[in-house]
């Protein structure tokens, strides 16, 4: 499997995030968070916060991070690295491309997280 359609760009306003279902490499369903930063760049990362098992797709977004709504952990959307406590472990990030207005995510090629 390669990049797959995850959402339409118009459905993800700048400065927002959303959770979307995609197909994992093993054929099962998985959820990723799509994040569109305040400057309009789109990123994809694991939807589940590494600290509190909450959806990052429901988090607050700024120019380079998403904040978990449950305990306030922030993650760099480019690398998945936590930017402060309470999270200490990164989340996976995935390559994103745009095909016109369609957001494509490649869950087969996650970036290796750094702690």
C-alpha atoms as a PDB file:
ATOM      1  CA  UNK A   1       0.000   0.000   0.000  1.00  0.00           C
ATOM      2  CA  UNK A   2       1.158   3.552  -0.620  1.00  0.00           C
ATOM      3  CA  UNK A   3      -0.292   6.952   0.177  1.00  0.00           C
ATOM      4  CA  UNK A   4      -4.044   6.833   0.687  1.00  0.00           C
ATOM      5  CA  UNK A   5      -6.768   9.423   0.655  1.00  0.00           C
ATOM      6  CA  UNK A   6      -7.489  10.651   4.175  1.00  0.00           C
ATOM      7  CA  UNK A   7      -9.537  13.853   3.831  1.00  0.00           C
ATOM      8  CA  UNK A   8     -10.221  16.918   1.727  1.00  0.00           C
ATOM      9  CA  UNK A   9      -8.089  19.989   2.432  1.00  0.00           C
ATOM     10  CA  UNK A  10     -11.244  22.127   2.779  1.00  0.00           C
ATOM     11  CA  UNK A  11     -12.320  19.939   5.720  1.00  0.00           C
ATOM     12  CA  UNK A  12      -9.217  20.934   7.705  1.00  0.00           C
ATOM     13  CA  UNK A  13      -9.027  24.648   8.394  1.00  0.00           C
ATOM     14  CA  UNK A  14      -5.674  26.265   9.217  1.00  0.00           C
ATOM     15  CA  UNK A  15      -5.021  25.960  12.954  1.00  0.00           C
ATOM     16  CA  UNK A  16      -7.101  22.809  13.384  1.00  0.00           C
ATOM     17  CA  UNK A  17      -6.821  19.044  13.706  1.00  0.00           C
ATOM     18  CA  UNK A  18      -9.062  16.081  13.002  1.00  0.00           C
ATOM     19  CA  UNK A  19      -9.008  12.310  13.408  1.00  0.00           C
ATOM     20  CA  UNK A  20      -9.364  10.159  10.296  1.00  0.00           C
ATOM     21  CA  UNK A  21      -9.552   6.422   9.695  1.00  0.00           C
ATOM     22  CA  UNK A  22      -7.048   4.898   7.280  1.00  0.00           C
ATOM     23  CA  UNK A  23      -5.919   1.372   6.468  1.00  0.00           C
ATOM     24  CA  UNK A  24      -2.840   0.134   8.333  1.00  0.00           C
ATOM     25  CA  UNK A  25      -0.118  -1.827   6.515  1.00  0.00           C
ATOM     26  CA  UNK A  26      -1.562  -5.101   7.888  1.00  0.00           C
ATOM     27  CA  UNK A  27      -4.997  -4.279   6.447  1.00  0.00           C
ATOM     28  CA  UNK A  28      -6.613  -3.318   9.744  1.00  0.00           C
ATOM     29  CA  UNK A  29      -8.170   0.046  10.491  1.00  0.00           C
ATOM     30  CA  UNK A  30      -6.114   2.701  12.246  1.00  0.00           C
ATOM     31  CA  UNK A  31      -6.672   6.319  13.196  1.00  0.00           C
ATOM     32  CA  UNK A  32      -4.301   9.188  12.501  1.00  0.00           C
ATOM     33  CA  UNK A  33      -4.539  12.829  13.437  1.00  0.00           C
ATOM     34  CA  UNK A  34      -4.341  15.277  10.557  1.00  0.00           C
ATOM     35  CA  UNK A  35      -3.042  18.657  11.645  1.00  0.00           C
ATOM     36  CA  UNK A  36      -3.086  21.850   9.604  1.00  0.00           C
ATOM     37  CA  UNK A  37      -0.871  24.412  11.249  1.00  0.00           C
ATOM     38  CA  UNK A  38      -1.726  28.085  11.443  1.00  0.00           C
ATOM     39  CA  UNK A  39       0.553  28.685   8.438  1.00  0.00           C
ATOM     40  CA  UNK A  40      -1.402  26.092   6.401  1.00  0.00           C
ATOM     41  CA  UNK A  41       1.032  23.141   6.367  1.00  0.00           C
ATOM     42  CA  UNK A  42      -0.542  19.680   6.768  1.00  0.00           C
ATOM     43  CA  UNK A  43       0.940  16.874   8.893  1.00  0.00           C
ATOM     44  CA  UNK A  44      -0.157  13.411  10.016  1.00  0.00           C
ATOM     45  CA  UNK A  45       0.728  11.682  13.283  1.00  0.00           C
ATOM     46  CA  UNK A  46      -0.546   8.953  15.556  1.00  0.00           C
ATOM     47  CA  UNK A  47      -3.910  10.025  16.877  1.00  0.00           C
ATOM     48  CA  UNK A  48      -3.302   8.742  20.392  1.00  0.00           C
ATOM     49  CA  UNK A  49      -1.279  10.871  22.802  1.00  0.00           C
ATOM     50  CA  UNK A  50       1.675   8.887  24.162  1.00  0.00           C
ATOM     51  CA  UNK A  51       0.887  10.075  27.686  1.00  0.00           C
ATOM     52  CA  UNK A  52      -2.830   9.922  28.318  1.00  0.00           C
ATOM     53  CA  UNK A  53      -4.512   7.888  25.580  1.00  0.00           C
ATOM     54  CA  UNK A  54      -6.470  10.869  24.278  1.00  0.00           C
ATOM     55  CA  UNK A  55      -7.091  11.873  20.679  1.00  0.00           C
ATOM     56  CA  UNK A  56      -4.642  14.402  19.234  1.00  0.00           C
ATOM     57  CA  UNK A  57      -7.200  15.001  16.484  1.00  0.00           C
ATOM     58  CA  UNK A  58      -9.180  16.922  19.107  1.00  0.00           C
ATOM     59  CA  UNK A  59      -6.191  19.019  20.171  1.00  0.00           C
ATOM     60  CA  UNK A  60      -5.285  22.681  19.834  1.00  0.00           C
ATOM     61  CA  UNK A  61      -2.914  23.603  17.008  1.00  0.00           C
ATOM     62  CA  UNK A  62      -0.410  26.400  16.487  1.00  0.00           C
ATOM     63  CA  UNK A  63       2.380  27.004  13.971  1.00  0.00           C
ATOM     64  CA  UNK A  64       4.325  23.817  14.792  1.00  0.00           C
ATOM     65  CA  UNK A  65       2.587  21.768  17.468  1.00  0.00           C
ATOM     66  CA  UNK A  66      -0.593  20.068  18.582  1.00  0.00           C
ATOM     67  CA  UNK A  67      -1.657  20.036  22.227  1.00  0.00           C
ATOM     68  CA  UNK A  68      -3.466  17.082  23.759  1.00  0.00           C
ATOM     69  CA  UNK A  69      -6.767  18.273  25.206  1.00  0.00           C
ATOM     70  CA  UNK A  70      -6.620  15.891  28.166  1.00  0.00           C
ATOM     71  CA  UNK A  71      -3.410  16.832  30.025  1.00  0.00           C
ATOM     72  CA  UNK A  72      -1.790  19.527  27.899  1.00  0.00           C
ATOM     73  CA  UNK A  73       1.079  17.509  26.379  1.00  0.00           C
ATOM     74  CA  UNK A  74       2.380  19.183  23.212  1.00  0.00           C
ATOM     75  CA  UNK A  75       3.950  17.430  20.227  1.00  0.00           C
ATOM     76  CA  UNK A  76       5.992  18.814  17.354  1.00  0.00           C
ATOM     77  CA  UNK A  77       3.868  17.971  14.304  1.00  0.00           C
ATOM     78  CA  UNK A  78       6.970  17.624  12.090  1.00  0.00           C
ATOM     79  CA  UNK A  79       8.807  15.078  14.265  1.00  0.00           C
ATOM     80  CA  UNK A  80       6.306  13.714  16.798  1.00  0.00           C
ATOM     81  CA  UNK A  81       8.667  14.726  19.590  1.00  0.00           C
ATOM     82  CA  UNK A  82       7.059  15.820  22.864  1.00  0.00           C
ATOM     83  CA  UNK A  83       7.706  19.475  23.617  1.00  0.00           C
ATOM     84  CA  UNK A  84       7.203  19.218  27.351  1.00  0.00           C
ATOM     85  CA  UNK A  85       5.678  17.261  30.174  1.00  0.00           C
ATOM     86  CA  UNK A  86       3.604  15.292  30.882  1.00  0.00           C
ATOM     87  CA  UNK A  87       4.461  13.396  27.650  1.00  0.00           C
ATOM     88  CA  UNK A  88       7.960  11.934  27.484  1.00  0.00           C
ATOM     89  CA  UNK A  89       7.588   9.579  24.493  1.00  0.00           C
ATOM     90  CA  UNK A  90       7.168  10.724  20.882  1.00  0.00           C
ATOM     91  CA  UNK A  91       4.363   9.698  18.546  1.00  0.00           C
ATOM     92  CA  UNK A  92       4.876   8.440  15.006  1.00  0.00           C
ATOM     93  CA  UNK A  93       4.537  10.860  12.104  1.00  0.00           C
ATOM     94  CA  UNK A  94       3.612   9.963   8.533  1.00  0.00           C
ATOM     95  CA  UNK A  95       4.413  11.523   5.147  1.00  0.00           C
ATOM     96  CA  UNK A  96       1.653  13.731   3.732  1.00  0.00           C
ATOM     97  CA  UNK A  97       1.166  14.855   0.148  1.00  0.00           C
ATOM     98  CA  UNK A  98      -1.572  16.820  -1.543  1.00  0.00           C
ATOM     99  CA  UNK A  99      -3.235  15.696  -4.762  1.00  0.00           C
ATOM    100  CA  UNK A 100      -5.169  18.808  -5.623  1.00  0.00           C
ATOM    101  CA  UNK A 101      -7.538  19.182  -2.684  1.00  0.00           C
ATOM    102  CA  UNK A 102      -7.094  15.623  -1.388  1.00  0.00           C
ATOM    103  CA  UNK A 103      -4.807  14.942   1.597  1.00  0.00           C
ATOM    104  CA  UNK A 104      -2.859  11.702   1.105  1.00  0.00           C
ATOM    105  CA  UNK A 105      -1.147   9.924   4.022  1.00  0.00           C
ATOM    106  CA  UNK A 106       1.454   7.158   3.717  1.00  0.00           C
ATOM    107  CA  UNK A 107       1.101   5.048   6.871  1.00  0.00           C
ATOM    108  CA  UNK A 108       3.478   2.460   5.380  1.00  0.00           C
ATOM    109  CA  UNK A 109       6.414   4.831   5.900  1.00  0.00           C
ATOM    110  CA  UNK A 110       6.297   6.311   9.409  1.00  0.00           C
ATOM    111  CA  UNK A 111       9.197   8.490  10.476  1.00  0.00           C
ATOM    112  CA  UNK A 112      11.362   7.020  13.199  1.00  0.00           C
ATOM    113  CA  UNK A 113      10.484   9.002  16.335  1.00  0.00           C
ATOM    114  CA  UNK A 114      13.163  10.546  18.449  1.00  0.00           C
ATOM    115  CA  UNK A 115      12.764  11.015  22.169  1.00  0.00           C
END
